[in-house]
Amino acid sequence: MSTDIRQSIEAVEQAMESLNQAFERHAEALRAPEQSQELQKWMTGAQAIRDSGTIYLNWARHYARSAGAGASGQHEDDADLEAFLDEGSDLSGDRPLL
């Protein structure tokens, strides 16, 4: 994977994490009892954004690695394929939303 592509993917990953944090801060502001329905809608949407971002970044990494595969078309490292298949590996997928 070229340095330019790697840096671009990292920038998108950082931007997605920043967006997720902003969503979490907004959710915290909605925690008042009279806004429970709004909070539930917001949390559902925030989780969808988090999941979509993770999938998007995993596909981006996959295609970036595929472009750098050897003549055989095989992944240079089996760990790359494992990371691709683990969609929860990035963007704090193991960290619950508020």
PDB file of N, CA and C in Angstrom:
ATOM      1  N   MET A   1       0.861  -1.161   0.000  1.00  0.00           N
ATOM      2  CA  MET A   1       0.000   0.000   0.000  1.00  0.00           C
ATOM      3  C   MET A   1       0.912   1.230   0.000  1.00  0.00           C
ATOM      4  N   SER A   2       0.608   2.179  -0.861  1.00  0.00           N
ATOM      5  CA  SER A   2       1.450   3.371  -0.940  1.00  0.00           C
ATOM      6  C   SER A   2       1.263   4.250   0.299  1.00  0.00           C
ATOM      7  N   THR A   3       2.264   5.048   0.562  1.00  0.00           N
ATOM      8  CA  THR A   3       2.216   5.959   1.710  1.00  0.00           C
ATOM      9  C   THR A   3       1.045   6.926   1.572  1.00  0.00           C
ATOM     10  N   ASP A   4       0.814   7.426   0.367  1.00  0.00           N
ATOM     11  CA  ASP A   4      -0.277   8.368   0.126  1.00  0.00           C
ATOM     12  C   ASP A   4      -1.634   7.740   0.453  1.00  0.00           C
ATOM     13  N   ILE A   5      -1.832   6.516   0.004  1.00  0.00           N
ATOM     14  CA  ILE A   5      -3.101   5.821   0.278  1.00  0.00           C
ATOM     15  C   ILE A   5      -3.228   5.532   1.766  1.00  0.00           C
ATOM     16  N   ARG A   6      -2.161   5.056   2.383  1.00  0.00           N
ATOM     17  CA  ARG A   6      -2.199   4.762   3.815  1.00  0.00           C
ATOM     18  C   ARG A   6      -2.548   6.022   4.620  1.00  0.00           C
ATOM     19  N   GLN A   7      -1.921   7.143   4.274  1.00  0.00           N
ATOM     20  CA  GLN A   7      -2.194   8.396   4.986  1.00  0.00           C
ATOM     21  C   GLN A   7      -3.632   8.857   4.769  1.00  0.00           C
ATOM     22  N   SER A   8      -4.144   8.665   3.564  1.00  0.00           N
ATOM     23  CA  SER A   8      -5.525   9.051   3.278  1.00  0.00           C
ATOM     24  C   SER A   8      -6.512   8.211   4.074  1.00  0.00           C
ATOM     25  N   ILE A   9      -6.256   6.914   4.135  1.00  0.00           N
ATOM     26  CA  ILE A   9      -7.126   6.035   4.925  1.00  0.00           C
ATOM     27  C   ILE A   9      -7.062   6.414   6.404  1.00  0.00           C
ATOM     28  N   GLU A  10      -5.874   6.726   6.901  1.00  0.00           N
ATOM     29  CA  GLU A  10      -5.743   7.142   8.295  1.00  0.00           C
ATOM     30  C   GLU A  10      -6.489   8.444   8.552  1.00  0.00           C
ATOM     31  N   ALA A  11      -6.469   9.370   7.592  1.00  0.00           N
ATOM     32  CA  ALA A  11      -7.191  10.637   7.748  1.00  0.00           C
ATOM     33  C   ALA A  11      -8.694  10.402   7.809  1.00  0.00           C
ATOM     34  N   VAL A  12      -9.197   9.489   6.977  1.00  0.00           N
ATOM     35  CA  VAL A  12     -10.628   9.162   7.009  1.00  0.00           C
ATOM     36  C   VAL A  12     -10.970   8.506   8.338  1.00  0.00           C
ATOM     37  N   GLU A  13     -10.105   7.612   8.797  1.00  0.00           N
ATOM     38  CA  GLU A  13     -10.342   6.946  10.078  1.00  0.00           C
ATOM     39  C   GLU A  13     -10.403   7.965  11.218  1.00  0.00           C
ATOM     40  N   GLN A  14      -9.499   8.923  11.220  1.00  0.00           N
ATOM     41  CA  GLN A  14      -9.504   9.962  12.258  1.00  0.00           C
ATOM     42  C   GLN A  14     -10.752  10.827  12.163  1.00  0.00           C
ATOM     43  N   ALA A  15     -11.166  11.153  10.932  1.00  0.00           N
ATOM     44  CA  ALA A  15     -12.373  11.959  10.754  1.00  0.00           C
ATOM     45  C   ALA A  15     -13.607  11.206  11.242  1.00  0.00           C
ATOM     46  N   MET A  16     -13.682   9.901  10.956  1.00  0.00           N
ATOM     47  CA  MET A  16     -14.818   9.102  11.422  1.00  0.00           C
ATOM     48  C   MET A  16     -14.836   9.031  12.942  1.00  0.00           C
ATOM     49  N   GLU A  17     -13.666   8.884  13.547  1.00  0.00           N
ATOM     50  CA  GLU A  17     -13.611   8.839  15.007  1.00  0.00           C
ATOM     51  C   GLU A  17     -14.051  10.177  15.595  1.00  0.00           C
ATOM     52  N   SER A  18     -13.640  11.268  14.976  1.00  0.00           N
ATOM     53  CA  SER A  18     -14.064  12.593  15.428  1.00  0.00           C
ATOM     54  C   SER A  18     -15.579  12.748  15.313  1.00  0.00           C
ATOM     55  N   LEU A  19     -16.146  12.267  14.222  1.00  0.00           N
ATOM     56  CA  LEU A  19     -17.598  12.313  14.046  1.00  0.00           C
ATOM     57  C   LEU A  19     -18.295  11.472  15.107  1.00  0.00           C
ATOM     58  N   ASN A  20     -17.791  10.284  15.360  1.00  0.00           N
ATOM     59  CA  ASN A  20     -18.380   9.421  16.383  1.00  0.00           C
ATOM     60  C   ASN A  20     -18.346  10.090  17.748  1.00  0.00           C
ATOM     61  N   GLN A  21     -17.250  10.752  18.066  1.00  0.00           N
ATOM     62  CA  GLN A  21     -17.148  11.449  19.353  1.00  0.00           C
ATOM     63  C   GLN A  21     -18.142  12.599  19.426  1.00  0.00           C
ATOM     64  N   ALA A  22     -18.323  13.318  18.325  1.00  0.00           N
ATOM     65  CA  ALA A  22     -19.306  14.406  18.301  1.00  0.00           C
ATOM     66  C   ALA A  22     -20.719  13.851  18.505  1.00  0.00           C
ATOM     67  N   PHE A  23     -21.012  12.710  17.883  1.00  0.00           N
ATOM     68  CA  PHE A  23     -22.310  12.072  18.072  1.00  0.00           C
ATOM     69  C   PHE A  23     -22.496  11.680  19.539  1.00  0.00           C
ATOM     70  N   GLU A  24     -21.468  11.167  20.152  1.00  0.00           N
ATOM     71  CA  GLU A  24     -21.552  10.773  21.561  1.00  0.00           C
ATOM     72  C   GLU A  24     -21.795  11.988  22.459  1.00  0.00           C
ATOM     73  N   ARG A  25     -21.134  13.101  22.164  1.00  0.00           N
ATOM     74  CA  ARG A  25     -21.354  14.323  22.957  1.00  0.00           C
ATOM     75  C   ARG A  25     -22.796  14.799  22.802  1.00  0.00           C
ATOM     76  N   HIS A  26     -23.323  14.722  21.594  1.00  0.00           N
ATOM     77  CA  HIS A  26     -24.709  15.133  21.379  1.00  0.00           C
ATOM     78  C   HIS A  26     -25.667  14.195  22.125  1.00  0.00           C
ATOM     79  N   ALA A  27     -25.369  12.915  22.120  1.00  0.00           N
ATOM     80  CA  ALA A  27     -26.205  11.949  22.845  1.00  0.00           C
ATOM     81  C   ALA A  27     -26.222  12.280  24.333  1.00  0.00           C
ATOM     82  N   GLU A  28     -25.082  12.658  24.858  1.00  0.00           N
ATOM     83  CA  GLU A  28     -25.009  13.020  26.276  1.00  0.00           C
ATOM     84  C   GLU A  28     -25.927  14.210  26.574  1.00  0.00           C
ATOM     85  N   ALA A  29     -26.020  15.138  25.641  1.00  0.00           N
ATOM     86  CA  ALA A  29     -26.896  16.300  25.823  1.00  0.00           C
ATOM     87  C   ALA A  29     -28.368  15.906  25.781  1.00  0.00           C
ATOM     88  N   LEU A  30     -28.685  14.778  25.167  1.00  0.00           N
ATOM     89  CA  LEU A  30     -30.078  14.320  25.054  1.00  0.00           C
ATOM     90  C   LEU A  30     -30.498  13.411  26.206  1.00  0.00           C
ATOM     91  N   ARG A  31     -29.693  13.269  27.212  1.00  0.00           N
ATOM     92  CA  ARG A  31     -29.973  12.309  28.291  1.00  0.00           C
ATOM     93  C   ARG A  31     -31.091  12.740  29.244  1.00  0.00           C
ATOM     94  N   ALA A  32     -31.640  13.907  29.083  1.00  0.00           N
ATOM     95  CA  ALA A  32     -32.744  14.349  29.947  1.00  0.00           C
ATOM     96  C   ALA A  32     -33.936  13.407  29.751  1.00  0.00           C
ATOM     97  N   PRO A  33     -34.660  13.076  30.836  1.00  0.00           N
ATOM     98  CA  PRO A  33     -35.767  12.117  30.747  1.00  0.00           C
ATOM     99  C   PRO A  33     -36.817  12.481  29.693  1.00  0.00           C
ATOM    100  N   GLU A  34     -37.092  13.747  29.508  1.00  0.00           N
ATOM    101  CA  GLU A  34     -38.122  14.147  28.544  1.00  0.00           C
ATOM    102  C   GLU A  34     -37.665  13.970  27.088  1.00  0.00           C
ATOM    103  N   GLN A  35     -36.410  13.627  26.898  1.00  0.00           N
ATOM    104  CA  GLN A  35     -35.894  13.438  25.540  1.00  0.00           C
ATOM    105  C   GLN A  35     -35.497  11.980  25.271  1.00  0.00           C
ATOM    106  N   SER A  36     -36.085  11.048  25.991  1.00  0.00           N
ATOM    107  CA  SER A  36     -35.667   9.655  25.862  1.00  0.00           C
ATOM    108  C   SER A  36     -35.941   9.081  24.470  1.00  0.00           C
ATOM    109  N   GLN A  37     -37.063   9.455  23.850  1.00  0.00           N
ATOM    110  CA  GLN A  37     -37.331   8.964  22.501  1.00  0.00           C
ATOM    111  C   GLN A  37     -36.328   9.533  21.510  1.00  0.00           C
ATOM    112  N   GLU A  38     -36.022  10.790  21.636  1.00  0.00           N
ATOM    113  CA  GLU A  38     -35.039  11.429  20.761  1.00  0.00           C
ATOM    114  C   GLU A  38     -33.666  10.793  20.954  1.00  0.00           C
ATOM    115  N   LEU A  39     -33.317  10.500  22.197  1.00  0.00           N
ATOM    116  CA  LEU A  39     -32.040   9.853  22.482  1.00  0.00           C
ATOM    117  C   LEU A  39     -31.972   8.478  21.823  1.00  0.00           C
ATOM    118  N   GLN A  40     -33.044   7.702  21.914  1.00  0.00           N
ATOM    119  CA  GLN A  40     -33.059   6.370  21.307  1.00  0.00           C
ATOM    120  C   GLN A  40     -32.862   6.457  19.802  1.00  0.00           C
ATOM    121  N   LYS A  41     -33.550   7.385  19.133  1.00  0.00           N
ATOM    122  CA  LYS A  41     -33.383   7.579  17.692  1.00  0.00           C
ATOM    123  C   LYS A  41     -31.941   7.975  17.376  1.00  0.00           C
ATOM    124  N   TRP A  42     -31.421   8.870  18.186  1.00  0.00           N
ATOM    125  CA  TRP A  42     -30.055   9.344  17.959  1.00  0.00           C
ATOM    126  C   TRP A  42     -29.044   8.212  18.120  1.00  0.00           C
ATOM    127  N   MET A  43     -29.216   7.396  19.144  1.00  0.00           N
ATOM    128  CA  MET A  43     -28.286   6.292  19.385  1.00  0.00           C
ATOM    129  C   MET A  43     -28.333   5.270  18.250  1.00  0.00           C
ATOM    130  N   THR A  44     -29.515   5.009  17.727  1.00  0.00           N
ATOM    131  CA  THR A  44     -29.648   4.080  16.600  1.00  0.00           C
ATOM    132  C   THR A  44     -28.900   4.620  15.385  1.00  0.00           C
ATOM    133  N   GLY A  45     -29.086   5.893  15.102  1.00  0.00           N
ATOM    134  CA  GLY A  45     -28.389   6.517  13.981  1.00  0.00           C
ATOM    135  C   GLY A  45     -26.887   6.561  14.185  1.00  0.00           C
ATOM    136  N   ALA A  46     -26.465   6.883  15.396  1.00  0.00           N
ATOM    137  CA  ALA A  46     -25.028   6.956  15.693  1.00  0.00           C
ATOM    138  C   ALA A  46     -24.373   5.588  15.523  1.00  0.00           C
ATOM    139  N   GLN A  47     -25.048   4.534  15.939  1.00  0.00           N
ATOM    140  CA  GLN A  47     -24.494   3.188  15.770  1.00  0.00           C
ATOM    141  C   GLN A  47     -24.410   2.824  14.291  1.00  0.00           C
ATOM    142  N   ALA A  48     -25.397   3.218  13.512  1.00  0.00           N
ATOM    143  CA  ALA A  48     -25.373   2.951  12.066  1.00  0.00           C
ATOM    144  C   ALA A  48     -24.200   3.676  11.404  1.00  0.00           C
ATOM    145  N   ILE A  49     -23.942   4.895  11.819  1.00  0.00           N
ATOM    146  CA  ILE A  49     -22.801   5.657  11.275  1.00  0.00           C
ATOM    147  C   ILE A  49     -21.494   4.974  11.653  1.00  0.00           C
ATOM    148  N   ARG A  50     -21.374   4.559  12.896  1.00  0.00           N
ATOM    149  CA  ARG A  50     -20.152   3.873  13.356  1.00  0.00           C
ATOM    150  C   ARG A  50     -19.929   2.588  12.556  1.00  0.00           C
ATOM    151  N   ASP A  51     -20.965   1.783  12.419  1.00  0.00           N
ATOM    152  CA  ASP A  51     -20.845   0.522  11.685  1.00  0.00           C
ATOM    153  C   ASP A  51     -20.510   0.759  10.211  1.00  0.00           C
ATOM    154  N   SER A  52     -21.187   1.714   9.596  1.00  0.00           N
ATOM    155  CA  SER A  52     -20.931   2.018   8.190  1.00  0.00           C
ATOM    156  C   SER A  52     -19.502   2.502   7.974  1.00  0.00           C
ATOM    157  N   GLY A  53     -19.021   3.344   8.878  1.00  0.00           N
ATOM    158  CA  GLY A  53     -17.655   3.826   8.769  1.00  0.00           C
ATOM    159  C   GLY A  53     -16.642   2.705   8.874  1.00  0.00           C
ATOM    160  N   THR A  54     -16.892   1.783   9.762  1.00  0.00           N
ATOM    161  CA  THR A  54     -15.988   0.638   9.926  1.00  0.00           C
ATOM    162  C   THR A  54     -15.966  -0.220   8.665  1.00  0.00           C
ATOM    163  N   ILE A  55     -17.126  -0.473   8.112  1.00  0.00           N
ATOM    164  CA  ILE A  55     -17.198  -1.269   6.885  1.00  0.00           C
ATOM    165  C   ILE A  55     -16.488  -0.545   5.746  1.00  0.00           C
ATOM    166  N   TYR A  56     -16.761   0.735   5.595  1.00  0.00           N
ATOM    167  CA  TYR A  56     -16.141   1.536   4.541  1.00  0.00           C
ATOM    168  C   TYR A  56     -14.615   1.476   4.642  1.00  0.00           C
ATOM    169  N   LEU A  57     -14.085   1.677   5.838  1.00  0.00           N
ATOM    170  CA  LEU A  57     -12.632   1.669   6.018  1.00  0.00           C
ATOM    171  C   LEU A  57     -12.031   0.285   5.785  1.00  0.00           C
ATOM    172  N   ASN A  58     -12.719  -0.756   6.191  1.00  0.00           N
ATOM    173  CA  ASN A  58     -12.210  -2.105   5.928  1.00  0.00           C
ATOM    174  C   ASN A  58     -12.150  -2.400   4.435  1.00  0.00           C
ATOM    175  N   TRP A  59     -13.160  -1.974   3.680  1.00  0.00           N
ATOM    176  CA  TRP A  59     -13.123  -2.161   2.229  1.00  0.00           C
ATOM    177  C   TRP A  59     -12.000  -1.323   1.620  1.00  0.00           C
ATOM    178  N   ALA A  60     -11.824  -0.101   2.085  1.00  0.00           N
ATOM    179  CA  ALA A  60     -10.748   0.747   1.557  1.00  0.00           C
ATOM    180  C   ALA A  60      -9.392   0.084   1.783  1.00  0.00           C
ATOM    181  N   ARG A  61      -9.172  -0.445   2.972  1.00  0.00           N
ATOM    182  CA  ARG A  61      -7.908  -1.145   3.256  1.00  0.00           C
ATOM    183  C   ARG A  61      -7.751  -2.380   2.367  1.00  0.00           C
ATOM    184  N   HIS A  62      -8.841  -3.110   2.197  1.00  0.00           N
ATOM    185  CA  HIS A  62      -8.810  -4.311   1.371  1.00  0.00           C
ATOM    186  C   HIS A  62      -8.389  -3.973  -0.062  1.00  0.00           C
ATOM    187  N   TYR A  63      -9.022  -2.987  -0.660  1.00  0.00           N
ATOM    188  CA  TYR A  63      -8.697  -2.637  -2.037  1.00  0.00           C
ATOM    189  C   TYR A  63      -7.310  -2.028  -2.151  1.00  0.00           C
ATOM    190  N   ALA A  64      -6.905  -1.271  -1.164  1.00  0.00           N
ATOM    191  CA  ALA A  64      -5.544  -0.710  -1.182  1.00  0.00           C
ATOM    192  C   ALA A  64      -4.510  -1.825  -1.113  1.00  0.00           C
ATOM    193  N   ARG A  65      -4.766  -2.850  -0.298  1.00  0.00           N
ATOM    194  CA  ARG A  65      -3.842  -3.991  -0.211  1.00  0.00           C
ATOM    195  C   ARG A  65      -3.870  -4.821  -1.490  1.00  0.00           C
ATOM    196  N   SER A  66      -5.060  -4.990  -2.064  1.00  0.00           N
ATOM    197  CA  SER A  66      -5.180  -5.774  -3.291  1.00  0.00           C
ATOM    198  C   SER A  66      -4.358  -5.160  -4.406  1.00  0.00           C
ATOM    199  N   ALA A  67      -4.320  -3.857  -4.477  1.00  0.00           N
ATOM    200  CA  ALA A  67      -3.544  -3.169  -5.510  1.00  0.00           C
ATOM    201  C   ALA A  67      -2.055  -3.412  -5.316  1.00  0.00           C
ATOM    202  N   GLY A  68      -1.647  -3.727  -4.076  1.00  0.00           N
ATOM    203  CA  GLY A  68      -0.247  -3.968  -3.786  1.00  0.00           C
ATOM    204  C   GLY A  68       0.113  -5.438  -3.727  1.00  0.00           C
ATOM    205  N   ALA A  69      -0.831  -6.320  -4.111  1.00  0.00           N
ATOM    206  CA  ALA A  69      -0.571  -7.762  -4.047  1.00  0.00           C
ATOM    207  C   ALA A  69       0.468  -8.156  -5.085  1.00  0.00           C
ATOM    208  N   GLY A  70       1.132  -9.236  -4.811  1.00  0.00           N
ATOM    209  CA  GLY A  70       2.148  -9.731  -5.735  1.00  0.00           C
ATOM    210  C   GLY A  70       1.535 -10.254  -7.020  1.00  0.00           C
ATOM    211  N   ALA A  71       2.375 -10.763  -7.908  1.00  0.00           N
ATOM    212  CA  ALA A  71       1.932 -11.250  -9.206  1.00  0.00           C
ATOM    213  C   ALA A  71       0.910 -12.373  -9.078  1.00  0.00           C
ATOM    214  N   SER A  72       0.961 -13.102  -7.987  1.00  0.00           N
ATOM    215  CA  SER A  72       0.027 -14.216  -7.804  1.00  0.00           C
ATOM    216  C   SER A  72      -1.361 -13.735  -7.410  1.00  0.00           C
ATOM    217  N   GLY A  73      -1.460 -12.442  -7.040  1.00  0.00           N
ATOM    218  CA  GLY A  73      -2.737 -11.909  -6.604  1.00  0.00           C
ATOM    219  C   GLY A  73      -3.049 -12.246  -5.165  1.00  0.00           C
ATOM    220  N   GLN A  74      -2.141 -12.907  -4.469  1.00  0.00           N
ATOM    221  CA  GLN A  74      -2.343 -13.282  -3.069  1.00  0.00           C
ATOM    222  C   GLN A  74      -2.020 -12.093  -2.170  1.00  0.00           C
ATOM    223  N   HIS A  75      -2.666 -12.047  -1.014  1.00  0.00           N
ATOM    224  CA  HIS A  75      -2.333 -11.036  -0.022  1.00  0.00           C
ATOM    225  C   HIS A  75      -0.909 -11.265   0.445  1.00  0.00           C
ATOM    226  N   GLU A  76      -0.204 -10.170   0.675  1.00  0.00           N
ATOM    227  CA  GLU A  76       1.173 -10.291   1.118  1.00  0.00           C
ATOM    228  C   GLU A  76       1.271 -10.906   2.508  1.00  0.00           C
ATOM    229  N   ASP A  77       0.222 -10.776   3.295  1.00  0.00           N
ATOM    230  CA  ASP A  77       0.256 -11.269   4.663  1.00  0.00           C
ATOM    231  C   ASP A  77      -1.142 -11.764   5.027  1.00  0.00           C
ATOM    232  N   ASP A  78      -1.231 -12.972   5.546  1.00  0.00           N
ATOM    233  CA  ASP A  78      -2.530 -13.505   5.935  1.00  0.00           C
ATOM    234  C   ASP A  78      -3.190 -12.655   7.012  1.00  0.00           C
ATOM    235  N   ALA A  79      -2.394 -11.940   7.809  1.00  0.00           N
ATOM    236  CA  ALA A  79      -2.956 -11.072   8.843  1.00  0.00           C
ATOM    237  C   ALA A  79      -3.787  -9.956   8.215  1.00  0.00           C
ATOM    238  N   ASP A  80      -3.407  -9.511   6.999  1.00  0.00           N
ATOM    239  CA  ASP A  80      -4.191  -8.494   6.310  1.00  0.00           C
ATOM    240  C   ASP A  80      -5.609  -8.985   6.054  1.00  0.00           C
ATOM    241  N   LEU A  81      -5.733 -10.217   5.585  1.00  0.00           N
ATOM    242  CA  LEU A  81      -7.046 -10.780   5.320  1.00  0.00           C
ATOM    243  C   LEU A  81      -7.834 -10.929   6.612  1.00  0.00           C
ATOM    244  N   GLU A  82      -7.186 -11.372   7.665  1.00  0.00           N
ATOM    245  CA  GLU A  82      -7.867 -11.511   8.951  1.00  0.00           C
ATOM    246  C   GLU A  82      -8.381 -10.163   9.445  1.00  0.00           C
ATOM    247  N   ALA A  83      -7.574  -9.106   9.310  1.00  0.00           N
ATOM    248  CA  ALA A  83      -7.996  -7.773   9.743  1.00  0.00           C
ATOM    249  C   ALA A  83      -9.195  -7.303   8.925  1.00  0.00           C
ATOM    250  N   PHE A  84      -9.188  -7.614   7.628  1.00  0.00           N
ATOM    251  CA  PHE A  84     -10.297  -7.230   6.771  1.00  0.00           C
ATOM    252  C   PHE A  84     -11.584  -7.919   7.204  1.00  0.00           C
ATOM    253  N   LEU A  85     -11.492  -9.167   7.558  1.00  0.00           N
ATOM    254  CA  LEU A  85     -12.673  -9.923   7.933  1.00  0.00           C
ATOM    255  C   LEU A  85     -13.211  -9.528   9.298  1.00  0.00           C
ATOM    256  N   ASP A  86     -12.382  -8.906  10.129  1.00  0.00           N
ATOM    257  CA  ASP A  86     -12.799  -8.472  11.453  1.00  0.00           C
ATOM    258  C   ASP A  86     -13.315  -7.051  11.372  1.00  0.00           C
ATOM    259  N   GLU A  87     -14.597  -6.899  11.018  1.00  0.00           N
ATOM    260  CA  GLU A  87     -15.155  -5.568  10.803  1.00  0.00           C
ATOM    261  C   GLU A  87     -15.194  -4.723  12.060  1.00  0.00           C
ATOM    262  N   GLY A  88     -15.095  -5.311  13.224  1.00  0.00           N
ATOM    263  CA  GLY A  88     -15.134  -4.550  14.461  1.00  0.00           C
ATOM    264  C   GLY A  88     -13.762  -4.139  14.950  1.00  0.00           C
ATOM    265  N   SER A  89     -12.750  -4.250  14.114  1.00  0.00           N
ATOM    266  CA  SER A  89     -11.395  -4.032  14.587  1.00  0.00           C
ATOM    267  C   SER A  89     -11.003  -2.569  14.711  1.00  0.00           C
ATOM    268  N   ASP A  90     -11.751  -1.663  14.096  1.00  0.00           N
ATOM    269  CA  ASP A  90     -11.365  -0.270  14.089  1.00  0.00           C
ATOM    270  C   ASP A  90     -12.506   0.634  14.532  1.00  0.00           C
ATOM    271  N   LEU A  91     -12.187   1.910  14.655  1.00  0.00           N
ATOM    272  CA  LEU A  91     -13.152   2.929  15.036  1.00  0.00           C
ATOM    273  C   LEU A  91     -13.827   2.602  16.366  1.00  0.00           C
ATOM    274  N   SER A  92     -13.070   2.062  17.259  1.00  0.00           N
ATOM    275  CA  SER A  92     -13.546   1.774  18.607  1.00  0.00           C
ATOM    276  C   SER A  92     -14.792   0.904  18.602  1.00  0.00           C
ATOM    277  N   GLY A  93     -14.844  -0.053  17.711  1.00  0.00           N
ATOM    278  CA  GLY A  93     -15.994  -0.939  17.643  1.00  0.00           C
ATOM    279  C   GLY A  93     -16.220  -1.719  18.921  1.00  0.00           C
ATOM    280  N   ASP A  94     -15.151  -1.895  19.715  1.00  0.00           N
ATOM    281  CA  ASP A  94     -15.296  -2.613  20.968  1.00  0.00           C
ATOM    282  C   ASP A  94     -15.733  -1.697  22.102  1.00  0.00           C
ATOM    283  N   ARG A  95     -15.776  -0.393  21.823  1.00  0.00           N
ATOM    284  CA  ARG A  95     -16.198   0.575  22.834  1.00  0.00           C
ATOM    285  C   ARG A  95     -17.666   0.891  22.612  1.00  0.00           C
ATOM    286  N   PRO A  96     -18.518   0.678  23.598  1.00  0.00           N
ATOM    287  CA  PRO A  96     -19.945   0.940  23.405  1.00  0.00           C
ATOM    288  C   PRO A  96     -20.230   2.428  23.275  1.00  0.00           C
ATOM    289  N   LEU A  97     -21.265   2.749  22.526  1.00  0.00           N
ATOM    290  CA  LEU A  97     -21.740   4.120  22.486  1.00  0.00           C
ATOM    291  C   LEU A  97     -22.362   4.430  23.837  1.00  0.00           C
ATOM    292  N   LEU A  98     -22.446   5.687  24.163  1.00  0.00           N
ATOM    293  CA  LEU A  98     -22.991   6.111  25.451  1.00  0.00           C
ATOM    294  C   LEU A  98     -24.211   5.369  25.815  1.00  0.00           C
TER     295      LEU A  98
END
